[in-house]
C-alpha atoms as a PDB file:
ATOM      1  CA  MET A   1      70.261 186.716 284.208  1.00  0.00           C
ATOM      2  CA  SER A   2      70.751 183.302 285.729  1.00  0.00           C
ATOM      3  CA  ALA A   3      73.634 180.990 285.030  1.00  0.00           C
ATOM      4  CA  LYS A   4      71.183 178.738 283.753  1.00  0.00           C
ATOM      5  CA  THR A   5      70.240 181.310 281.047  1.00  0.00           C
ATOM      6  CA  ILE A   6      73.639 182.435 280.111  1.00  0.00           C
ATOM      7  CA  GLY A   7      74.631 178.749 279.838  1.00  0.00           C
ATOM      8  CA  ILE A   8      71.873 178.158 277.086  1.00  0.00           C
ATOM      9  CA  LEU A   9      72.803 181.436 275.130  1.00  0.00           C
ATOM     10  CA  ILE A  10      76.584 180.416 275.061  1.00  0.00           C
ATOM     11  CA  LEU A  11      75.252 176.846 273.807  1.00  0.00           C
ATOM     12  CA  TRP A  12      73.058 178.411 271.384  1.00  0.00           C
ATOM     13  CA  ALA A  13      75.785 180.824 270.159  1.00  0.00           C
ATOM     14  CA  VAL A  14      78.379 177.740 269.685  1.00  0.00           C
ATOM     15  CA  VAL A  15      75.692 175.735 267.871  1.00  0.00           C
ATOM     16  CA  ALA A  16      75.014 178.630 265.568  1.00  0.00           C
ATOM     17  CA  VAL A  17      78.427 179.291 264.728  1.00  0.00           C
ATOM     18  CA  PHE A  18      79.131 175.797 263.966  1.00  0.00           C
ATOM     19  CA  ALA A  19      76.047 175.588 261.701  1.00  0.00           C
ATOM     20  CA  VAL A  20      77.051 178.576 259.746  1.00  0.00           C
ATOM     21  CA  LEU A  21      80.616 177.062 259.452  1.00  0.00           C
ATOM     22  CA  GLN A  22      79.246 173.875 258.060  1.00  0.00           C
ATOM     23  CA  ILE A  23      76.934 175.571 255.691  1.00  0.00           C
ATOM     24  CA  GLY A  24      79.673 177.600 254.507  1.00  0.00           C
ATOM     25  CA  ASN A  25      82.060 174.610 254.032  1.00  0.00           C
ATOM     26  CA  SER A  26      79.562 172.724 252.457  1.00  0.00           C
ATOM     27  CA  GLN A  27      79.284 175.770 249.785  1.00  0.00           C
ATOM     28  CA  LEU A  28      82.924 176.073 249.061  1.00  0.00           C
ATOM     29  CA  THR A  29      82.851 175.215 245.481  1.00  0.00           C
ATOM     30  CA  GLU A  30      84.670 176.102 242.019  1.00  0.00           C
ATOM     31  CA  PHE A  31      83.429 179.101 240.271  1.00  0.00           C
ATOM     32  CA  ASP A  32      84.108 177.435 236.971  1.00  0.00           C
ATOM     33  CA  PRO A  33      84.040 173.610 237.952  1.00  0.00           C
ATOM     34  CA  ASN A  34      84.483 172.317 234.189  1.00  0.00           C
ATOM     35  CA  LEU A  35      86.786 174.717 233.165  1.00  0.00           C
ATOM     36  CA  THR A  36      84.528 175.739 230.327  1.00  0.00           C
ATOM     37  CA  PHE A  37      84.430 179.269 231.186  1.00  0.00           C
ATOM     38  CA  SER A  38      88.158 179.258 231.390  1.00  0.00           C
ATOM     39  CA  GLU A  39      88.494 178.054 227.778  1.00  0.00           C
ATOM     40  CA  GLN A  40      85.888 180.316 226.603  1.00  0.00           C
ATOM     41  CA  VAL A  41      87.876 183.647 227.721  1.00  0.00           C
ATOM     42  CA  ALA A  42      90.502 182.388 226.229  1.00  0.00           C
ATOM     43  CA  ASP A  43      89.199 183.378 222.785  1.00  0.00           C
ATOM     44  CA  VAL A  44      90.024 186.501 221.787  1.00  0.00           C
ATOM     45  CA  ASN A  45      86.565 187.461 220.765  1.00  0.00           C
ATOM     46  CA  TYR A  46      84.692 186.234 223.852  1.00  0.00           C
ATOM     47  CA  ASP A  47      84.346 189.891 225.206  1.00  0.00           C
ATOM     48  CA  LEU A  48      82.861 191.132 222.142  1.00  0.00           C
ATOM     49  CA  GLU A  49      80.432 188.201 221.883  1.00  0.00           C
ATOM     50  CA  PHE A  50      79.471 188.547 225.350  1.00  0.00           C
ATOM     51  CA  VAL A  51      78.930 192.364 225.354  1.00  0.00           C
ATOM     52  CA  GLY A  52      76.785 191.769 221.958  1.00  0.00           C
ATOM     53  CA  LEU A  53      74.683 189.264 223.670  1.00  0.00           C
ATOM     54  CA  LEU A  54      74.016 191.882 226.391  1.00  0.00           C
ATOM     55  CA  ALA A  55      73.117 194.995 223.974  1.00  0.00           C
ATOM     56  CA  PRO A  56      69.249 194.420 223.979  1.00  0.00           C
ATOM     57  CA  TYR A  57      69.465 194.487 227.921  1.00  0.00           C
ATOM     58  CA  ILE A  58      71.896 197.461 228.695  1.00  0.00           C
ATOM     59  CA  GLY A  59      70.879 199.762 225.823  1.00  0.00           C
ATOM     60  CA  LYS A  60      72.933 202.864 224.649  1.00  0.00           C
ATOM     61  CA  GLU A  61      73.998 203.839 228.308  1.00  0.00           C
ATOM     62  CA  LYS A  62      77.711 204.737 228.610  1.00  0.00           C
ATOM     63  CA  ALA A  63      78.227 202.100 231.630  1.00  0.00           C
ATOM     64  CA  HIS A  64      76.492 199.364 233.232  1.00  0.00           C
ATOM     65  CA  ILE A  65      76.548 196.692 235.906  1.00  0.00           C
ATOM     66  CA  ILE A  66      75.086 193.569 235.436  1.00  0.00           C
ATOM     67  CA  HIS A  67      74.175 191.053 238.347  1.00  0.00           C
ATOM     68  CA  PHE A  68      73.752 187.564 237.052  1.00  0.00           C
ATOM     69  CA  GLU A  69      71.129 185.271 239.369  1.00  0.00           C
ATOM     70  CA  GLN A  70      69.499 182.074 239.059  1.00  0.00           C
ATOM     71  CA  GLY A  71      67.124 182.898 242.034  1.00  0.00           C
ATOM     72  CA  ASN A  72      67.235 179.638 243.805  1.00  0.00           C
ATOM     73  CA  CYS A  73      70.713 179.969 245.026  1.00  0.00           C
ATOM     74  CA  MET A  74      71.439 180.419 248.592  1.00  0.00           C
ATOM     75  CA  CYS A  75      74.604 182.027 247.893  1.00  0.00           C
ATOM     76  CA  GLU A  76      72.994 184.751 245.974  1.00  0.00           C
ATOM     77  CA  TRP A  77      71.067 185.811 249.291  1.00  0.00           C
ATOM     78  CA  VAL A  78      74.724 185.769 251.183  1.00  0.00           C
ATOM     79  CA  ALA A  79      76.159 187.964 248.372  1.00  0.00           C
ATOM     80  CA  LYS A  80      73.069 190.565 248.602  1.00  0.00           C
ATOM     81  CA  SER A  81      74.957 193.043 250.932  1.00  0.00           C
ATOM     82  CA  HIS A  82      77.856 192.966 248.514  1.00  0.00           C
ATOM     83  CA  LYS A  83      75.528 193.526 245.562  1.00  0.00           C
ATOM     84  CA  HIS A  84      74.049 196.508 247.060  1.00  0.00           C
ATOM     85  CA  LYS A  85      77.777 198.000 248.015  1.00  0.00           C
ATOM     86  CA  ILE A  86      78.619 197.463 244.287  1.00  0.00           C
ATOM     87  CA  ASP A  87      75.323 199.037 243.228  1.00  0.00           C
ATOM     88  CA  ALA A  88      75.906 201.988 245.395  1.00  0.00           C
ATOM     89  CA  LEU A  89      79.556 202.489 244.250  1.00  0.00           C
ATOM     90  CA  ALA A  90      78.180 202.234 240.562  1.00  0.00           C
ATOM     91  CA  LYS A  91      75.766 204.876 241.372  1.00  0.00           C
ATOM     92  CA  MET A  92      78.340 207.344 242.628  1.00  0.00           C
ATOM     93  CA  GLN A  93      79.645 206.946 239.155  1.00  0.00           C
ATOM     94  CA  GLY A  94      76.419 207.237 237.285  1.00  0.00           C
ATOM     95  CA  MET A  95      76.326 203.490 236.146  1.00  0.00           C
ATOM     96  CA  PRO A  96      73.164 201.927 236.397  1.00  0.00           C
ATOM     97  CA  SER A  97      72.864 198.235 237.335  1.00  0.00           C
ATOM     98  CA  ILE A  98      70.539 195.578 235.840  1.00  0.00           C
ATOM     99  CA  THR A  99      69.656 192.136 237.229  1.00  0.00           C
ATOM    100  CA  ILE A 100      69.347 189.043 234.805  1.00  0.00           C
ATOM    101  CA  ASN A 101      67.906 185.860 235.713  1.00  0.00           C
ATOM    102  CA  LEU A 102      69.476 182.984 234.130  1.00  0.00           C
ATOM    103  CA  ASP A 103      66.567 180.903 234.470  1.00  0.00           C
ATOM    104  CA  VAL A 104      64.311 183.507 232.665  1.00  0.00           C
ATOM    105  CA  HIS A 105      67.172 183.929 230.135  1.00  0.00           C
ATOM    106  CA  PRO A 106      68.893 180.797 229.539  1.00  0.00           C
ATOM    107  CA  LYS A 107      71.367 181.871 226.745  1.00  0.00           C
ATOM    108  CA  PHE A 108      73.510 183.537 229.407  1.00  0.00           C
ATOM    109  CA  LYS A 109      74.214 180.350 230.957  1.00  0.00           C
ATOM    110  CA  GLU A 110      76.693 179.485 228.380  1.00  0.00           C
ATOM    111  CA  PHE A 111      78.805 182.431 229.565  1.00  0.00           C
ATOM    112  CA  ILE A 112      78.202 182.346 233.217  1.00  0.00           C
ATOM    113  CA  PRO A 113      79.442 179.066 234.875  1.00  0.00           C
ATOM    114  CA  SER A 114      78.436 179.948 238.473  1.00  0.00           C
ATOM    115  CA  THR A 115      76.116 182.661 240.275  1.00  0.00           C
ATOM    116  CA  PRO A 116      76.323 185.123 241.978  1.00  0.00           C
ATOM    117  CA  ALA A 117      78.203 186.821 239.160  1.00  0.00           C
ATOM    118  CA  VAL A 118      78.700 190.380 237.863  1.00  0.00           C
ATOM    119  CA  ALA A 119      79.934 192.170 234.799  1.00  0.00           C
ATOM    120  CA  VAL A 120      80.888 195.796 234.457  1.00  0.00           C
ATOM    121  CA  ILE A 121      80.473 197.233 230.908  1.00  0.00           C
ATOM    122  CA  PHE A 122      81.850 200.746 230.080  1.00  0.00           C
ATOM    123  CA  ASN A 123      81.513 202.298 226.778  1.00  0.00           C
ATOM    124  CA  GLY A 124      80.765 198.852 225.130  1.00  0.00           C
ATOM    125  CA  GLN A 125      83.825 197.120 226.446  1.00  0.00           C
ATOM    126  CA  LEU A 126      83.790 194.699 228.983  1.00  0.00           C
ATOM    127  CA  ARG A 127      85.642 195.624 232.070  1.00  0.00           C
ATOM    128  CA  PHE A 128      84.930 193.037 234.709  1.00  0.00           C
ATOM    129  CA  LEU A 129      83.230 189.556 234.760  1.00  0.00           C
ATOM    130  CA  GLY A 130      83.300 187.127 237.364  1.00  0.00           C
ATOM    131  CA  PRO A 131      82.139 186.261 240.910  1.00  0.00           C
ATOM    132  CA  TYR A 132      81.597 189.218 243.642  1.00  0.00           C
ATOM    133  CA  SER A 133      84.073 187.639 246.116  1.00  0.00           C
ATOM    134  CA  THR A 134      85.830 184.596 247.122  1.00  0.00           C
ATOM    135  CA  GLY A 135      86.657 182.259 250.344  1.00  0.00           C
ATOM    136  CA  LEU A 136      84.359 180.447 252.727  1.00  0.00           C
ATOM    137  CA  GLY A 137      80.902 181.844 252.277  1.00  0.00           C
ATOM    138  CA  CYS A 138      81.772 184.663 250.052  1.00  0.00           C
ATOM    139  CA  LEU A 139      81.273 187.039 252.964  1.00  0.00           C
ATOM    140  CA  ASN A 140      84.028 189.301 251.866  1.00  0.00           C
ATOM    141  CA  SER A 141      82.357 192.204 250.757  1.00  0.00           C
ATOM    142  CA  ASN A 142      85.462 193.956 248.951  1.00  0.00           C
ATOM    143  CA  GLY A 143      86.236 191.769 246.102  1.00  0.00           C
ATOM    144  CA  PRO A 144      88.053 192.608 242.639  1.00  0.00           C
ATOM    145  CA  VAL A 145      84.857 194.174 241.228  1.00  0.00           C
ATOM    146  CA  ASN A 146      85.348 196.971 243.774  1.00  0.00           C
ATOM    147  CA  GLU A 147      88.783 197.749 242.457  1.00  0.00           C
ATOM    148  CA  VAL A 148      87.602 197.480 238.764  1.00  0.00           C
ATOM    149  CA  LEU A 149      84.678 200.117 239.675  1.00  0.00           C
ATOM    150  CA  ALA A 150      87.515 202.436 240.674  1.00  0.00           C
ATOM    151  CA  TYR A 151      89.184 202.836 237.295  1.00  0.00           C
ATOM    152  CA  ALA A 152      86.721 201.217 235.013  1.00  0.00           C
ATOM    153  CA  ASN A 153      85.940 204.730 233.260  1.00  0.00           C
ATOM    154  CA  ARG A 154      89.553 205.434 232.644  1.00  0.00           C
ATOM    155  CA  SER A 155      90.683 205.402 228.989  1.00  0.00           C
ATOM    156  CA  MET A 156      93.889 203.518 229.958  1.00  0.00           C
ATOM    157  CA  PHE A 157      92.101 200.640 230.849  1.00  0.00           C
ATOM    158  CA  ALA A 158      93.259 197.869 228.296  1.00  0.00           C
ATOM    159  CA  ASN A 159      91.847 194.493 228.905  1.00  0.00           C
ATOM    160  CA  PRO A 160      89.009 192.917 230.879  1.00  0.00           C
ATOM    161  CA  VAL A 161      89.418 191.455 234.208  1.00  0.00           C
ATOM    162  CA  ILE A 162      88.002 188.036 233.898  1.00  0.00           C
ATOM    163  CA  ILE A 163      88.062 185.636 237.102  1.00  0.00           C
ATOM    164  CA  SER A 164      87.639 182.250 236.146  1.00  0.00           C
ATOM    165  CA  ASP A 165      89.776 180.596 239.053  1.00  0.00           C
ATOM    166  CA  ALA A 166      87.942 181.207 242.311  1.00  0.00           C
ATOM    167  CA  GLN A 167      86.389 179.131 245.116  1.00  0.00           C
ATOM    168  CA  GLY A 168      83.621 180.357 247.231  1.00  0.00           C
ATOM    169  CA  CYS A 169      79.945 180.082 247.538  1.00  0.00           C
ATOM    170  CA  TYR A 170      78.597 179.466 244.168  1.00  0.00           C
ATOM    171  CA  CYS A 171      76.004 177.889 242.548  1.00  0.00           C
ATOM    172  CA  ASN A 172      76.829 176.202 238.968  1.00  0.00           C
ATOM    173  CA  THR A 173      74.490 177.263 236.164  1.00  0.00           C
ATOM    174  CA  ALA A 174      74.845 173.629 234.523  1.00  0.00           C
ATOM    175  CA  GLN A 175      73.294 171.877 237.306  1.00  0.00           C
END
């Protein structure tokens, strides 16, 4: 390989890294930018209302992973590998997963401030609701939902983990 070819490859790599960082920086947004989700989850009946709304989609299964997307959000594409990792962890525990597109089912936009988002339901109880991960580009494939999956089926689980204060790669549902 000539020095000129190596130089072009190095220049290309620098430009590619810079482009990825710029895209990531432009996508660093609040999961709950209007704080409406934070206000909603303060209501003691929020989780019951949310699970009730999900009932026709999840049926009588003991546990479920519910992924929320809009379909036109670049951040959902970025989170695909994390989504697959969550599904694999859930499958090991016998938990099926479904995906709800908020453009097809807009009633969920009232409950989900941004996508990509995920919920964990076990025995009719909300165990987790929030983003897959946080941070620049949301490339972290080990977010809080992974930890909740590790103990979601234990009876000692008292309250749901609901993440509303997060920054990362999210697409607001109100836009």
